[in-house]
Amino acid sequence: MNNNKHEFAEDSFFISRRKFMAIGSAFLAVMAIPVGWFASKVASRNDYIKSRSAGLYKDDSIAKLRVSHANPAVEKYYKEFGGKPLGHMSHELLHTHFVDRTKLNS
């Protein structure tokens, strides 16, 4: 008789339930750390955005000039150089154009 033991390909990948649970719980613990860290960063960023917005609204409420068209510097620009608001010269000088640079090789 032949006493050779045959091995199946699946046998090399087999792990016990106990080992699977240990690996799974370790993986879960490692993945839970970044999730908690990320959640705290998002919460702190939201707090920053809310406080920044509140500060800007407060500054705006006490400002003497609240609209750009009433600003003397803007009025002077249009009188001396820019022509009229929404005119060709103002459009050329004040507006920017988007250039997609993501595909440049640099």
C-alpha atoms as a PDB file:
ATOM      1  CA  MET A   1       0.000   0.000   0.000  1.00  0.00           C
ATOM      2  CA  ASN A   2       0.955   3.547  -0.614  1.00  0.00           C
ATOM      3  CA  ASN A   3       1.205   5.635   2.576  1.00  0.00           C
ATOM      4  CA  ASN A   4       1.830   8.951   0.826  1.00  0.00           C
ATOM      5  CA  LYS A   5      -0.077  11.847   2.310  1.00  0.00           C
ATOM      6  CA  HIS A   6      -1.680  14.114  -0.251  1.00  0.00           C
ATOM      7  CA  GLU A   7      -1.935  17.840   0.419  1.00  0.00           C
ATOM      8  CA  PHE A   8      -4.579  20.032  -1.109  1.00  0.00           C
ATOM      9  CA  ALA A   9      -3.937  23.583  -2.239  1.00  0.00           C
ATOM     10  CA  GLU A  10      -6.584  24.836   0.201  1.00  0.00           C
ATOM     11  CA  ASP A  11      -4.720  23.371   3.192  1.00  0.00           C
ATOM     12  CA  SER A  12      -1.936  25.945   2.976  1.00  0.00           C
ATOM     13  CA  PHE A  13      -4.463  28.790   3.295  1.00  0.00           C
ATOM     14  CA  PHE A  14      -6.472  27.291   6.131  1.00  0.00           C
ATOM     15  CA  ILE A  15      -6.419  29.005   9.510  1.00  0.00           C
ATOM     16  CA  SER A  16      -8.322  28.079  12.608  1.00  0.00           C
ATOM     17  CA  ARG A  17     -11.285  30.045  13.919  1.00  0.00           C
ATOM     18  CA  ARG A  18      -9.270  31.204  16.889  1.00  0.00           C
ATOM     19  CA  LYS A  19      -6.480  32.539  14.671  1.00  0.00           C
ATOM     20  CA  PHE A  20      -9.041  34.130  12.322  1.00  0.00           C
ATOM     21  CA  MET A  21     -10.724  35.927  15.247  1.00  0.00           C
ATOM     22  CA  ALA A  22      -7.362  37.142  16.547  1.00  0.00           C
ATOM     23  CA  ILE A  23      -6.357  38.475  13.153  1.00  0.00           C
ATOM     24  CA  GLY A  24      -9.782  40.021  12.601  1.00  0.00           C
ATOM     25  CA  SER A  25      -9.863  41.775  15.963  1.00  0.00           C
ATOM     26  CA  ALA A  26      -6.320  43.090  15.499  1.00  0.00           C
ATOM     27  CA  PHE A  27      -7.266  44.394  12.044  1.00  0.00           C
ATOM     28  CA  LEU A  28     -10.415  46.022  13.447  1.00  0.00           C
ATOM     29  CA  ALA A  29      -8.449  47.692  16.244  1.00  0.00           C
ATOM     30  CA  VAL A  30      -5.877  49.050  13.802  1.00  0.00           C
ATOM     31  CA  MET A  31      -8.608  50.357  11.490  1.00  0.00           C
ATOM     32  CA  ALA A  32     -10.583  51.955  14.353  1.00  0.00           C
ATOM     33  CA  ILE A  33      -7.671  54.189  15.396  1.00  0.00           C
ATOM     34  CA  PRO A  34      -7.565  56.206  12.127  1.00  0.00           C
ATOM     35  CA  VAL A  35     -11.366  56.487  12.019  1.00  0.00           C
ATOM     36  CA  GLY A  36     -11.428  58.064  15.483  1.00  0.00           C
ATOM     37  CA  TRP A  37      -8.521  60.337  14.627  1.00  0.00           C
ATOM     38  CA  PHE A  38     -10.153  61.403  11.364  1.00  0.00           C
ATOM     39  CA  ALA A  39     -13.479  62.102  13.086  1.00  0.00           C
ATOM     40  CA  SER A  40     -11.758  64.306  15.678  1.00  0.00           C
ATOM     41  CA  LYS A  41      -9.920  66.220  12.937  1.00  0.00           C
ATOM     42  CA  VAL A  42     -13.178  66.815  11.036  1.00  0.00           C
ATOM     43  CA  ALA A  43     -14.881  68.015  14.219  1.00  0.00           C
ATOM     44  CA  SER A  44     -12.030  70.401  15.050  1.00  0.00           C
ATOM     45  CA  ARG A  45     -12.028  71.708  11.469  1.00  0.00           C
ATOM     46  CA  ASN A  46     -15.774  72.329  11.664  1.00  0.00           C
ATOM     47  CA  ASP A  47     -15.267  74.241  14.917  1.00  0.00           C
ATOM     48  CA  TYR A  48     -12.562  76.327  13.235  1.00  0.00           C
ATOM     49  CA  ILE A  49     -14.796  77.087  10.244  1.00  0.00           C
ATOM     50  CA  LYS A  50     -17.695  78.114  12.500  1.00  0.00           C
ATOM     51  CA  SER A  51     -15.523  80.400  14.622  1.00  0.00           C
ATOM     52  CA  ARG A  52     -13.896  81.899  11.508  1.00  0.00           C
ATOM     53  CA  SER A  53     -17.310  82.580   9.965  1.00  0.00           C
ATOM     54  CA  ALA A  54     -18.552  84.175  13.180  1.00  0.00           C
ATOM     55  CA  GLY A  55     -15.483  86.422  13.262  1.00  0.00           C
ATOM     56  CA  LEU A  56     -15.952  87.482   9.645  1.00  0.00           C
ATOM     57  CA  TYR A  57     -19.620  88.292  10.219  1.00  0.00           C
ATOM     58  CA  LYS A  58     -18.683  90.301  13.319  1.00  0.00           C
ATOM     59  CA  ASP A  59     -16.016  92.230  11.387  1.00  0.00           C
ATOM     60  CA  ASP A  60     -18.477  92.845   8.565  1.00  0.00           C
ATOM     61  CA  SER A  61     -21.170  94.143  10.913  1.00  0.00           C
ATOM     62  CA  ILE A  62     -18.867  96.829  12.382  1.00  0.00           C
ATOM     63  CA  ALA A  63     -17.128  97.802   9.110  1.00  0.00           C
ATOM     64  CA  LYS A  64     -17.736 101.259   7.643  1.00  0.00           C
ATOM     65  CA  LEU A  65     -17.587 100.001   4.060  1.00  0.00           C
ATOM     66  CA  ARG A  66     -19.587  96.836   3.592  1.00  0.00           C
ATOM     67  CA  VAL A  67     -19.905  96.738  -0.198  1.00  0.00           C
ATOM     68  CA  SER A  68     -17.082  96.905  -2.743  1.00  0.00           C
ATOM     69  CA  HIS A  69     -18.750  99.404  -5.067  1.00  0.00           C
ATOM     70  CA  ALA A  70     -18.810 101.991  -2.223  1.00  0.00           C
ATOM     71  CA  ASN A  71     -15.082 101.615  -1.573  1.00  0.00           C
ATOM     72  CA  PRO A  72     -13.213 104.826  -2.515  1.00  0.00           C
ATOM     73  CA  ALA A  73     -10.228 102.853  -3.846  1.00  0.00           C
ATOM     74  CA  VAL A  74     -12.467 100.867  -6.201  1.00  0.00           C
ATOM     75  CA  GLU A  75     -14.248 104.047  -7.325  1.00  0.00           C
ATOM     76  CA  LYS A  76     -10.872 105.666  -8.017  1.00  0.00           C
ATOM     77  CA  TYR A  77      -9.750 102.621 -10.046  1.00  0.00           C
ATOM     78  CA  TYR A  78     -12.800 102.804 -12.286  1.00  0.00           C
ATOM     79  CA  LYS A  79     -12.579 106.599 -12.724  1.00  0.00           C
ATOM     80  CA  GLU A  80      -8.871 106.724 -13.542  1.00  0.00           C
ATOM     81  CA  PHE A  81      -8.080 103.430 -15.204  1.00  0.00           C
ATOM     82  CA  GLY A  82     -10.614 100.636 -15.425  1.00  0.00           C
ATOM     83  CA  GLY A  83     -13.375 102.329 -17.373  1.00  0.00           C
ATOM     84  CA  LYS A  84     -16.747 101.110 -16.218  1.00  0.00           C
ATOM     85  CA  PRO A  85     -17.710  98.106 -14.066  1.00  0.00           C
ATOM     86  CA  LEU A  86     -18.184  94.948 -16.145  1.00  0.00           C
ATOM     87  CA  GLY A  87     -16.463  96.676 -19.069  1.00  0.00           C
ATOM     88  CA  HIS A  88     -13.926  95.096 -21.392  1.00  0.00           C
ATOM     89  CA  MET A  89     -10.832  96.653 -19.754  1.00  0.00           C
ATOM     90  CA  SER A  90     -11.993  95.689 -16.257  1.00  0.00           C
ATOM     91  CA  HIS A  91     -12.727  92.170 -17.404  1.00  0.00           C
ATOM     92  CA  GLU A  92      -9.270  91.783 -18.934  1.00  0.00           C
ATOM     93  CA  LEU A  93      -7.470  93.153 -15.869  1.00  0.00           C
ATOM     94  CA  LEU A  94      -9.467  91.742 -12.974  1.00  0.00           C
ATOM     95  CA  HIS A  95     -10.642  88.330 -14.119  1.00  0.00           C
ATOM     96  CA  THR A  96      -8.482  85.244 -14.256  1.00  0.00           C
ATOM     97  CA  HIS A  97      -8.754  82.248 -16.545  1.00  0.00           C
ATOM     98  CA  PHE A  98      -8.460  78.651 -15.430  1.00  0.00           C
ATOM     99  CA  VAL A  99      -5.621  76.626 -16.896  1.00  0.00           C
ATOM    100  CA  ASP A 100      -5.616  72.910 -16.108  1.00  0.00           C
ATOM    101  CA  ARG A 101      -2.043  72.146 -15.059  1.00  0.00           C
ATOM    102  CA  THR A 102      -2.642  68.671 -13.683  1.00  0.00           C
ATOM    103  CA  LYS A 103      -1.516  67.018 -16.905  1.00  0.00           C
ATOM    104  CA  LEU A 104       1.733  68.953 -17.285  1.00  0.00           C
ATOM    105  CA  ASN A 105       4.926  66.953 -16.954  1.00  0.00           C
ATOM    106  CA  SER A 106       6.871  68.724 -14.268  1.00  0.00           C
END
